[in-house]
N, C-alpha and C. Protein backbone atom coordinates (compact mmCIF):
# COMPACT_ATOMS: atom_id res chain seq x y z
N MET A 1 -4.81 23.47 -2.15
CA MET A 1 -3.28 22.74 -2.62
C MET A 1 -3.79 21.13 -3.39
N SER A 2 -2.95 21.15 -4.42
CA SER A 2 -3.08 20.41 -5.89
C SER A 2 -2.83 18.76 -5.46
N ARG A 3 -3.84 17.87 -5.71
CA ARG A 3 -3.94 16.54 -5.14
C ARG A 3 -2.60 15.89 -6.72
N ARG A 4 -2.03 14.94 -5.77
CA ARG A 4 -0.65 14.79 -6.44
C ARG A 4 -0.89 13.79 -7.28
N ARG A 5 -0.65 13.71 -8.43
CA ARG A 5 -1.24 12.47 -9.67
C ARG A 5 0.08 11.44 -9.38
N ARG A 6 -0.82 10.30 -9.58
CA ARG A 6 -0.80 8.82 -9.20
C ARG A 6 0.55 8.67 -10.70
N ILE A 7 1.99 8.26 -10.07
CA ILE A 7 2.51 6.62 -10.80
C ILE A 7 2.34 5.98 -11.25
N MET A 8 2.08 4.59 -9.35
CA MET A 8 1.88 3.53 -9.63
C MET A 8 0.16 3.16 -10.00
N SER A 9 0.15 2.31 -10.33
CA SER A 9 -1.23 2.05 -10.06
C SER A 9 -1.19 1.15 -8.52
N ASP A 10 -2.96 1.15 -7.63
CA ASP A 10 -2.84 0.76 -6.81
C ASP A 10 -2.01 -0.95 -7.00
N ALA A 11 -2.53 -1.67 -8.06
CA ALA A 11 -2.07 -3.02 -8.40
C ALA A 11 -0.58 -3.59 -8.76
N LEU A 12 -0.09 -1.97 -9.32
CA LEU A 12 1.17 -2.52 -8.78
C LEU A 12 2.35 -2.53 -8.19
N LYS A 13 1.53 -1.65 -7.12
CA LYS A 13 2.05 -1.19 -5.53
C LYS A 13 1.35 -2.43 -5.23
N TYR A 14 0.53 -3.40 -5.00
CA TYR A 14 -0.13 -4.93 -4.57
C TYR A 14 1.05 -5.63 -4.64
N GLU A 15 1.51 -5.87 -6.06
CA GLU A 15 1.85 -6.80 -6.53
C GLU A 15 3.39 -6.18 -6.09
N PHE A 16 4.21 -5.54 -6.47
CA PHE A 16 5.33 -5.34 -5.22
C PHE A 16 5.32 -5.67 -3.99
N ALA A 17 4.59 -4.77 -3.31
CA ALA A 17 4.28 -5.64 -1.38
C ALA A 17 3.78 -7.13 -1.66
N LYS A 18 3.10 -8.20 -2.02
CA LYS A 18 3.64 -9.36 -2.49
C LYS A 18 4.99 -10.08 -2.09
N GLU A 19 5.64 -8.89 -3.95
CA GLU A 19 6.88 -10.25 -4.04
C GLU A 19 7.73 -9.81 -2.38
N LEU A 20 7.48 -8.36 -1.73
CA LEU A 20 8.54 -8.34 -0.86
C LEU A 20 8.38 -8.31 0.36
N GLY A 21 6.62 -9.36 0.57
CA GLY A 21 6.57 -9.78 1.97
C GLY A 21 6.06 -8.95 2.22
N VAL A 22 5.51 -7.92 1.80
CA VAL A 22 4.63 -7.03 2.87
C VAL A 22 2.67 -6.64 2.85
N LYS A 23 2.74 -7.68 1.89
CA LYS A 23 1.25 -7.03 1.82
C LYS A 23 0.65 -7.32 2.89
N GLU A 24 0.46 -8.25 3.31
CA GLU A 24 -0.28 -8.75 5.30
C GLU A 24 -0.15 -7.05 5.56
N THR A 25 1.09 -6.79 5.21
CA THR A 25 0.93 -5.51 6.59
C THR A 25 0.20 -4.11 5.43
N VAL A 26 -0.12 -4.44 4.19
CA VAL A 26 -0.31 -3.33 3.89
C VAL A 26 -2.21 -3.49 3.86
N ASP A 27 -2.04 -4.55 3.86
CA ASP A 27 -3.84 -5.67 3.87
C ASP A 27 -4.46 -5.25 5.73
N ARG A 28 -3.49 -5.31 6.61
CA ARG A 28 -3.74 -4.96 7.83
C ARG A 28 -3.72 -3.55 8.58
N GLU A 29 -2.37 -3.03 7.69
CA GLU A 29 -2.19 -1.82 8.28
C GLU A 29 -2.48 -0.77 7.97
N GLY A 30 -2.52 -1.28 6.72
CA GLY A 30 -2.24 0.16 5.25
C GLY A 30 -0.70 0.55 5.08
N TRP A 31 -0.71 1.16 3.37
CA TRP A 31 0.64 1.84 3.64
C TRP A 31 1.64 2.06 4.75
N GLY A 32 0.97 2.92 5.81
CA GLY A 32 1.97 4.05 6.66
C GLY A 32 1.92 2.72 7.82
N GLY A 33 1.79 1.71 7.72
CA GLY A 33 2.49 0.46 8.41
C GLY A 33 3.39 -0.16 8.01
N VAL A 34 3.83 0.20 6.46
CA VAL A 34 5.22 -0.49 5.85
C VAL A 34 6.14 0.09 6.28
N SER A 35 7.33 -0.38 6.83
CA SER A 35 8.46 0.61 7.35
C SER A 35 9.71 1.16 6.39
N SER A 36 10.10 2.87 6.34
CA SER A 36 9.97 3.00 5.32
C SER A 36 11.62 2.22 4.25
N ARG A 37 12.28 1.51 4.98
CA ARG A 37 13.68 0.95 4.77
C ARG A 37 12.82 -0.32 3.48
N ASN A 38 11.25 -0.93 3.58
CA ASN A 38 10.65 -1.27 2.38
C ASN A 38 9.48 -0.91 1.57
N CYS A 39 9.10 0.24 1.70
CA CYS A 39 9.03 1.32 1.02
C CYS A 39 9.77 1.58 0.12
N GLY A 40 11.59 2.10 0.22
CA GLY A 40 12.27 2.35 -0.60
C GLY A 40 12.76 1.29 -1.65
N ASN A 41 12.25 0.07 -0.99
CA ASN A 41 12.29 -1.33 -1.63
C ASN A 41 11.53 -1.33 -2.42
N LEU A 42 10.68 -0.95 -2.30
CA LEU A 42 9.46 -0.71 -3.64
C LEU A 42 9.65 0.17 -4.49
N VAL A 43 10.29 1.03 -4.35
CA VAL A 43 10.80 2.83 -5.05
C VAL A 43 11.48 1.89 -6.10
N ARG A 44 12.66 1.43 -5.60
CA ARG A 44 13.71 0.64 -6.34
C ARG A 44 12.92 -0.27 -7.30
N MET A 45 12.29 -1.38 -7.01
CA MET A 45 11.38 -2.16 -7.63
C MET A 45 11.00 -1.61 -8.52
N ALA A 46 9.97 -0.73 -8.93
CA ALA A 46 9.83 0.31 -9.80
C ALA A 46 10.36 1.43 -9.89
N ILE A 47 12.31 1.69 -10.09
CA ILE A 47 12.47 2.21 -11.15
C ILE A 47 12.91 0.97 -12.02
N GLU A 48 13.78 -0.05 -10.97
CA GLU A 48 14.22 -1.51 -12.07
C GLU A 48 13.61 -1.56 -13.13
N ARG A 49 12.09 -1.64 -12.16
CA ARG A 49 11.50 -2.44 -13.73
C ARG A 49 10.83 -1.49 -14.53
N ALA A 50 10.49 -0.51 -14.65
CA ALA A 50 10.07 0.68 -15.48
C ALA A 50 12.20 1.30 -16.51
N GLU A 51 12.64 0.99 -15.75
CA GLU A 51 14.54 1.26 -16.83
C GLU A 51 14.17 0.05 -17.54
N LYS A 52 13.68 -1.36 -17.16
CA LYS A 52 13.56 -2.89 -18.38
C LYS A 52 12.70 -2.33 -19.45
N SER A 53 11.13 -2.14 -19.08
CA SER A 53 10.60 -1.70 -20.09
C SER A 53 10.73 -1.03 -20.76
N MET A 54 11.85 0.49 -20.52
CA MET A 54 12.33 1.12 -21.27
C MET A 54 13.53 0.93 -21.90
N ALA A 55 14.22 -0.25 -21.74
CA ALA A 55 15.22 -0.74 -22.10
C ALA A 55 14.70 -1.66 -23.56
N GLN A 56 13.77 -2.72 -22.93
CA GLN A 56 12.79 -3.59 -23.84
C GLN A 56 12.70 -2.36 -24.97
N SER A 57 11.28 -1.51 -24.92
CA SER A 57 11.12 -1.03 -25.90
C SER A 57 12.32 -0.40 -26.74
N SER A 58 13.45 0.59 -25.88
CA SER A 58 13.98 1.20 -26.94
C SER A 58 14.82 -0.22 -27.88
N ASP A 59 14.75 -1.28 -27.35
CA ASP A 59 15.09 -2.58 -28.31
C ASP A 59 14.02 -2.77 -29.33
N PHE A 60 12.99 -3.03 -29.83
CA PHE A 60 12.51 -3.15 -29.87
C PHE A 60 12.05 -1.96 -31.28
N LYS A 61 12.28 -0.89 -30.89
CA LYS A 61 12.23 0.69 -32.10
C LYS A 61 13.52 0.58 -32.96
N THR A 62 14.53 0.15 -32.57
CA THR A 62 15.33 0.28 -32.82
C THR A 62 15.67 -1.33 -34.44
N ASP A 63 14.96 -2.13 -34.03
CA ASP A 63 15.71 -2.89 -34.48
C ASP A 63 14.41 -2.81 -35.75
N SER A 64 13.24 -2.66 -36.12
CA SER A 64 12.33 -2.33 -37.40
C SER A 64 13.30 -1.61 -38.14
């Protein structure tokens, strides 16, 4: 079985966990202790940030 490529850095995941208020759970129990709902919220935050970054990048390219 092949290893999965990491999409998000650990630093980014911890940043999202801190924003959601689950960082203490991650520190204490690991990522397995985070509820499915909060994991979904982490993914939603990552998608929103990626979309925002892509939109800003696209705006920058069209302005030049």
